[in-house]
Amino acid sequence: MRPDERDAALLWDMLEYSRLIGQITKDLAYALYLKDRKLQLAVERAVEVVGEAARHVSPAFKEAHPEISWRGIIAQRNVLAHEYGEIKQDRLWIVATERIPKLLELLDRLELPPKPPDSEP
């Protein structure tokens, strides 16, 4: 199923922010991540954006793509948005370095229309 225009925009956001997370964490040691609150905040925000975009993807598109863990992505967003005082950095690190790369692979396989030139994360 090809996404409609609205879903495509949301999927592009998911793709772009997943790539950003990959750029932030590439070649970064976990110990350095734990020492840098700015990096933690950047990863938290990017993961939150991925989840917020996923939350708004149409039910029909989600149903057509069960290989993507929509509920898990949205649940992670909810934790970041509503339970920010209890964010476990070790869990967020796993999301950023293990789950996001897998999500990126799945998003790259989707037949997304070209990204509009004026949209940026």
N, C-alpha and C. Protein backbone atom coordinates (compact mmCIF):
# COMPACT_ATOMS: atom_id res chain seq x y z
N MET A 1 0.84 -1.18 0.00
CA MET A 1 0.00 0.00 0.00
C MET A 1 0.88 1.24 0.00
N ARG A 2 0.67 2.08 -0.99
CA ARG A 2 1.40 3.35 -1.05
C ARG A 2 0.73 4.35 -0.13
N PRO A 3 1.50 5.14 0.58
CA PRO A 3 0.89 6.12 1.48
C PRO A 3 0.25 7.28 0.73
N ASP A 4 -0.84 7.81 1.33
CA ASP A 4 -1.40 9.03 0.76
C ASP A 4 -0.48 10.19 1.15
N GLU A 5 -0.82 11.38 0.73
CA GLU A 5 0.06 12.54 0.94
C GLU A 5 0.32 12.81 2.42
N ARG A 6 -0.72 12.73 3.24
CA ARG A 6 -0.56 13.00 4.68
C ARG A 6 0.32 11.94 5.34
N ASP A 7 0.03 10.66 5.06
CA ASP A 7 0.85 9.59 5.61
C ASP A 7 2.30 9.72 5.13
N ALA A 8 2.47 10.07 3.88
CA ALA A 8 3.83 10.20 3.33
C ALA A 8 4.61 11.26 4.10
N ALA A 9 3.98 12.38 4.40
CA ALA A 9 4.67 13.44 5.15
C ALA A 9 5.07 12.95 6.54
N LEU A 10 4.19 12.20 7.18
CA LEU A 10 4.49 11.66 8.51
C LEU A 10 5.59 10.62 8.43
N LEU A 11 5.55 9.79 7.43
CA LEU A 11 6.59 8.77 7.25
C LEU A 11 7.94 9.41 6.93
N TRP A 12 7.94 10.50 6.18
CA TRP A 12 9.19 11.23 5.92
C TRP A 12 9.75 11.78 7.23
N ASP A 13 8.87 12.29 8.11
CA ASP A 13 9.35 12.76 9.41
C ASP A 13 9.98 11.61 10.19
N MET A 14 9.32 10.47 10.19
CA MET A 14 9.87 9.31 10.89
C MET A 14 11.23 8.93 10.31
N LEU A 15 11.33 8.93 9.00
CA LEU A 15 12.57 8.57 8.33
C LEU A 15 13.68 9.56 8.64
N GLU A 16 13.40 10.83 8.51
CA GLU A 16 14.41 11.87 8.74
C GLU A 16 14.90 11.87 10.18
N TYR A 17 13.99 11.77 11.12
CA TYR A 17 14.41 11.79 12.52
C TYR A 17 15.10 10.49 12.93
N SER A 18 14.73 9.39 12.31
CA SER A 18 15.46 8.14 12.55
C SER A 18 16.89 8.27 12.04
N ARG A 19 17.05 8.87 10.88
CA ARG A 19 18.40 9.11 10.35
C ARG A 19 19.19 10.04 11.27
N LEU A 20 18.53 11.05 11.78
CA LEU A 20 19.19 11.98 12.69
C LEU A 20 19.68 11.26 13.95
N ILE A 21 18.86 10.39 14.48
CA ILE A 21 19.27 9.61 15.65
C ILE A 21 20.51 8.78 15.31
N GLY A 22 20.51 8.19 14.12
CA GLY A 22 21.67 7.43 13.69
C GLY A 22 22.93 8.28 13.59
N GLN A 23 22.77 9.51 13.10
CA GLN A 23 23.91 10.42 13.00
C GLN A 23 24.43 10.81 14.39
N ILE A 24 23.50 11.05 15.30
CA ILE A 24 23.88 11.46 16.66
C ILE A 24 24.64 10.34 17.37
N THR A 25 24.19 9.11 17.20
CA THR A 25 24.76 8.00 17.98
C THR A 25 25.88 7.26 17.25
N LYS A 26 26.10 7.58 15.98
CA LYS A 26 27.15 6.89 15.22
C LYS A 26 28.50 7.08 15.90
N ASP A 27 29.18 5.97 16.10
CA ASP A 27 30.52 5.97 16.70
C ASP A 27 30.55 6.60 18.09
N LEU A 28 29.42 6.66 18.76
CA LEU A 28 29.35 7.24 20.10
C LEU A 28 29.32 6.13 21.13
N ALA A 29 30.21 6.19 22.08
CA ALA A 29 30.23 5.20 23.16
C ALA A 29 29.13 5.53 24.17
N TYR A 30 28.54 4.50 24.71
CA TYR A 30 27.47 4.68 25.69
C TYR A 30 27.93 5.52 26.88
N ALA A 31 29.15 5.32 27.32
CA ALA A 31 29.68 6.08 28.45
C ALA A 31 29.71 7.58 28.15
N LEU A 32 30.06 7.93 26.92
CA LEU A 32 30.07 9.35 26.54
C LEU A 32 28.65 9.90 26.44
N TYR A 33 27.76 9.09 25.93
CA TYR A 33 26.34 9.47 25.86
C TYR A 33 25.80 9.80 27.26
N LEU A 34 26.14 8.95 28.22
CA LEU A 34 25.65 9.16 29.59
C LEU A 34 26.20 10.43 30.23
N LYS A 35 27.35 10.89 29.78
CA LYS A 35 27.97 12.09 30.35
C LYS A 35 27.49 13.38 29.70
N ASP A 36 26.78 13.28 28.58
CA ASP A 36 26.41 14.46 27.82
C ASP A 36 24.89 14.65 27.79
N ARG A 37 24.41 15.50 28.66
CA ARG A 37 22.96 15.72 28.77
C ARG A 37 22.38 16.30 27.47
N LYS A 38 23.15 17.10 26.75
CA LYS A 38 22.65 17.64 25.49
C LYS A 38 22.40 16.53 24.46
N LEU A 39 23.29 15.57 24.40
CA LEU A 39 23.09 14.43 23.50
C LEU A 39 21.86 13.64 23.91
N GLN A 40 21.71 13.42 25.20
CA GLN A 40 20.54 12.69 25.69
C GLN A 40 19.25 13.41 25.30
N LEU A 41 19.23 14.72 25.49
CA LEU A 41 18.04 15.49 25.15
C LEU A 41 17.76 15.46 23.64
N ALA A 42 18.81 15.51 22.85
CA ALA A 42 18.63 15.45 21.40
C ALA A 42 18.04 14.11 20.98
N VAL A 43 18.55 13.03 21.53
CA VAL A 43 18.03 11.71 21.21
C VAL A 43 16.59 11.58 21.71
N GLU A 44 16.34 12.02 22.92
CA GLU A 44 14.98 11.97 23.47
C GLU A 44 14.00 12.69 22.56
N ARG A 45 14.34 13.88 22.15
CA ARG A 45 13.44 14.67 21.31
C ARG A 45 13.23 14.02 19.94
N ALA A 46 14.29 13.52 19.34
CA ALA A 46 14.16 12.89 18.03
C ALA A 46 13.31 11.62 18.11
N VAL A 47 13.48 10.83 19.15
CA VAL A 47 12.66 9.63 19.34
C VAL A 47 11.20 10.03 19.57
N GLU A 48 11.01 11.09 20.31
CA GLU A 48 9.65 11.59 20.55
C GLU A 48 8.98 12.02 19.23
N VAL A 49 9.72 12.69 18.37
CA VAL A 49 9.17 13.12 17.08
C VAL A 49 8.81 11.91 16.22
N VAL A 50 9.65 10.90 16.22
CA VAL A 50 9.35 9.67 15.47
C VAL A 50 8.03 9.09 15.97
N GLY A 51 7.87 9.03 17.27
CA GLY A 51 6.65 8.48 17.85
C GLY A 51 5.43 9.33 17.60
N GLU A 52 5.59 10.63 17.64
CA GLU A 52 4.47 11.53 17.37
C GLU A 52 4.01 11.39 15.93
N ALA A 53 4.94 11.30 15.01
CA ALA A 53 4.57 11.10 13.61
C ALA A 53 3.87 9.75 13.44
N ALA A 54 4.41 8.71 14.05
CA ALA A 54 3.81 7.38 13.96
C ALA A 54 2.38 7.38 14.50
N ARG A 55 2.16 8.14 15.52
CA ARG A 55 0.84 8.23 16.16
C ARG A 55 -0.22 8.74 15.19
N HIS A 56 0.18 9.58 14.25
CA HIS A 56 -0.77 10.21 13.34
C HIS A 56 -0.88 9.51 11.98
N VAL A 57 -0.07 8.48 11.75
CA VAL A 57 -0.21 7.71 10.51
C VAL A 57 -1.58 7.04 10.53
N SER A 58 -2.21 7.00 9.38
CA SER A 58 -3.58 6.47 9.30
C SER A 58 -3.65 5.01 9.75
N PRO A 59 -4.77 4.64 10.37
CA PRO A 59 -4.95 3.24 10.76
C PRO A 59 -4.84 2.27 9.57
N ALA A 60 -5.32 2.68 8.41
CA ALA A 60 -5.25 1.81 7.24
C ALA A 60 -3.79 1.52 6.85
N PHE A 61 -2.95 2.53 6.88
CA PHE A 61 -1.54 2.33 6.53
C PHE A 61 -0.84 1.47 7.58
N LYS A 62 -1.15 1.73 8.84
CA LYS A 62 -0.56 0.91 9.92
C LYS A 62 -0.95 -0.56 9.75
N GLU A 63 -2.21 -0.78 9.44
CA GLU A 63 -2.70 -2.14 9.26
C GLU A 63 -2.03 -2.81 8.06
N ALA A 64 -1.76 -2.05 7.04
CA ALA A 64 -1.11 -2.58 5.85
C ALA A 64 0.37 -2.87 6.06
N HIS A 65 0.93 -2.33 7.14
CA HIS A 65 2.37 -2.51 7.42
C HIS A 65 2.59 -2.96 8.87
N PRO A 66 2.16 -4.19 9.17
CA PRO A 66 2.33 -4.71 10.53
C PRO A 66 3.78 -5.01 10.89
N GLU A 67 4.67 -4.99 9.91
CA GLU A 67 6.09 -5.23 10.20
C GLU A 67 6.70 -4.10 11.02
N ILE A 68 6.03 -2.96 11.03
CA ILE A 68 6.49 -1.82 11.84
C ILE A 68 5.77 -1.87 13.18
N SER A 69 6.53 -1.75 14.24
CA SER A 69 5.97 -1.83 15.60
C SER A 69 5.34 -0.50 16.00
N TRP A 70 4.21 -0.19 15.39
CA TRP A 70 3.54 1.09 15.61
C TRP A 70 3.25 1.32 17.10
N ARG A 71 2.70 0.31 17.75
CA ARG A 71 2.33 0.46 19.16
C ARG A 71 3.56 0.71 20.03
N GLY A 72 4.64 0.01 19.76
CA GLY A 72 5.87 0.20 20.53
C GLY A 72 6.47 1.58 20.32
N ILE A 73 6.45 2.04 19.09
CA ILE A 73 6.99 3.37 18.77
C ILE A 73 6.17 4.45 19.47
N ILE A 74 4.87 4.31 19.41
CA ILE A 74 3.98 5.30 20.03
C ILE A 74 4.09 5.22 21.55
N ALA A 75 4.22 4.03 22.09
CA ALA A 75 4.37 3.87 23.54
C ALA A 75 5.65 4.55 24.03
N GLN A 76 6.74 4.41 23.26
CA GLN A 76 7.99 5.07 23.64
C GLN A 76 7.82 6.58 23.63
N ARG A 77 7.11 7.10 22.64
CA ARG A 77 6.82 8.53 22.58
C ARG A 77 6.05 8.97 23.81
N ASN A 78 5.07 8.18 24.22
CA ASN A 78 4.26 8.53 25.39
C ASN A 78 5.09 8.57 26.66
N VAL A 79 6.01 7.65 26.80
CA VAL A 79 6.90 7.66 27.97
C VAL A 79 7.72 8.95 27.98
N LEU A 80 8.28 9.30 26.83
CA LEU A 80 9.11 10.50 26.76
C LEU A 80 8.29 11.76 26.99
N ALA A 81 7.09 11.81 26.47
CA ALA A 81 6.26 13.00 26.58
C ALA A 81 5.64 13.17 27.95
N HIS A 82 5.34 12.06 28.62
CA HIS A 82 4.57 12.16 29.85
C HIS A 82 5.28 11.69 31.11
N GLU A 83 6.37 10.96 30.95
CA GLU A 83 7.07 10.44 32.12
C GLU A 83 8.54 10.84 32.07
N TYR A 84 8.79 12.08 31.65
CA TYR A 84 10.15 12.53 31.40
C TYR A 84 11.04 12.47 32.64
N GLY A 85 10.46 12.50 33.82
CA GLY A 85 11.27 12.42 35.04
C GLY A 85 11.82 11.04 35.29
N GLU A 86 11.31 10.05 34.57
CA GLU A 86 11.72 8.68 34.81
C GLU A 86 12.31 8.01 33.57
N ILE A 87 12.90 8.80 32.71
CA ILE A 87 13.49 8.23 31.49
C ILE A 87 14.72 7.43 31.87
N LYS A 88 14.72 6.19 31.44
CA LYS A 88 15.86 5.31 31.68
C LYS A 88 16.77 5.41 30.47
N GLN A 89 17.92 6.02 30.66
CA GLN A 89 18.83 6.25 29.54
C GLN A 89 19.35 4.96 28.94
N ASP A 90 19.48 3.92 29.74
CA ASP A 90 19.94 2.64 29.18
C ASP A 90 18.91 2.10 28.19
N ARG A 91 17.64 2.25 28.48
CA ARG A 91 16.58 1.80 27.57
C ARG A 91 16.51 2.68 26.33
N LEU A 92 16.67 3.97 26.54
CA LEU A 92 16.64 4.88 25.39
C LEU A 92 17.83 4.63 24.47
N TRP A 93 18.96 4.28 25.04
CA TRP A 93 20.13 3.95 24.24
C TRP A 93 19.85 2.73 23.36
N ILE A 94 19.19 1.73 23.91
CA ILE A 94 18.83 0.54 23.13
C ILE A 94 17.87 0.92 22.00
N VAL A 95 16.92 1.77 22.30
CA VAL A 95 16.00 2.24 21.27
C VAL A 95 16.79 2.93 20.16
N ALA A 96 17.68 3.84 20.55
CA ALA A 96 18.43 4.64 19.57
C ALA A 96 19.41 3.82 18.75
N THR A 97 20.05 2.84 19.36
CA THR A 97 21.13 2.13 18.68
C THR A 97 20.73 0.76 18.11
N GLU A 98 19.60 0.22 18.55
CA GLU A 98 19.18 -1.10 18.06
C GLU A 98 17.84 -1.03 17.33
N ARG A 99 16.86 -0.41 17.95
CA ARG A 99 15.51 -0.41 17.37
C ARG A 99 15.36 0.61 16.24
N ILE A 100 15.94 1.78 16.41
CA ILE A 100 15.82 2.81 15.36
C ILE A 100 16.50 2.35 14.06
N PRO A 101 17.68 1.74 14.10
CA PRO A 101 18.25 1.24 12.85
C PRO A 101 17.35 0.22 12.14
N LYS A 102 16.69 -0.64 12.92
CA LYS A 102 15.76 -1.61 12.32
C LYS A 102 14.56 -0.89 11.72
N LEU A 103 14.05 0.11 12.43
CA LEU A 103 12.94 0.90 11.91
C LEU A 103 13.36 1.60 10.62
N LEU A 104 14.56 2.13 10.61
CA LEU A 104 15.07 2.82 9.42
C LEU A 104 15.09 1.88 8.21
N GLU A 105 15.49 0.65 8.41
CA GLU A 105 15.48 -0.34 7.32
C GLU A 105 14.06 -0.54 6.79
N LEU A 106 13.10 -0.65 7.70
CA LEU A 106 11.71 -0.85 7.28
C LEU A 106 11.16 0.37 6.56
N LEU A 107 11.47 1.55 7.07
CA LEU A 107 10.99 2.78 6.43
C LEU A 107 11.62 2.97 5.05
N ASP A 108 12.89 2.59 4.92
CA ASP A 108 13.58 2.71 3.63
C ASP A 108 12.93 1.83 2.56
N ARG A 109 12.29 0.74 2.98
CA ARG A 109 11.65 -0.18 2.03
C ARG A 109 10.30 0.31 1.53
N LEU A 110 9.71 1.27 2.23
CA LEU A 110 8.40 1.76 1.82
C LEU A 110 8.51 2.54 0.52
N GLU A 111 7.46 2.51 -0.23
CA GLU A 111 7.43 3.23 -1.50
C GLU A 111 6.95 4.66 -1.26
N LEU A 112 7.82 5.46 -0.67
CA LEU A 112 7.44 6.84 -0.38
C LEU A 112 7.57 7.70 -1.63
N PRO A 113 6.62 8.59 -1.82
CA PRO A 113 6.78 9.54 -2.92
C PRO A 113 7.95 10.46 -2.60
N PRO A 114 8.48 11.16 -3.59
CA PRO A 114 9.59 12.08 -3.31
C PRO A 114 9.22 13.08 -2.21
N LYS A 115 10.20 13.37 -1.41
CA LYS A 115 9.99 14.34 -0.33
C LYS A 115 9.88 15.73 -0.92
N PRO A 116 8.90 16.50 -0.45
CA PRO A 116 8.81 17.88 -0.93
C PRO A 116 10.10 18.64 -0.60
N PRO A 117 10.62 19.45 -1.52
CA PRO A 117 11.91 20.11 -1.33
C PRO A 117 11.95 21.11 -0.19
N ASP A 118 10.83 21.65 0.21
CA ASP A 118 10.85 22.69 1.25
C ASP A 118 10.65 22.14 2.65
N SER A 119 10.53 20.83 2.82
CA SER A 119 10.30 20.28 4.16
C SER A 119 11.61 19.74 4.72
N GLU A 120 11.88 20.11 5.96
CA GLU A 120 13.08 19.64 6.66
C GLU A 120 12.72 19.32 8.08
N PRO A 121 13.46 18.40 8.73
CA PRO A 121 13.19 18.11 10.14
C PRO A 121 13.60 19.26 11.04
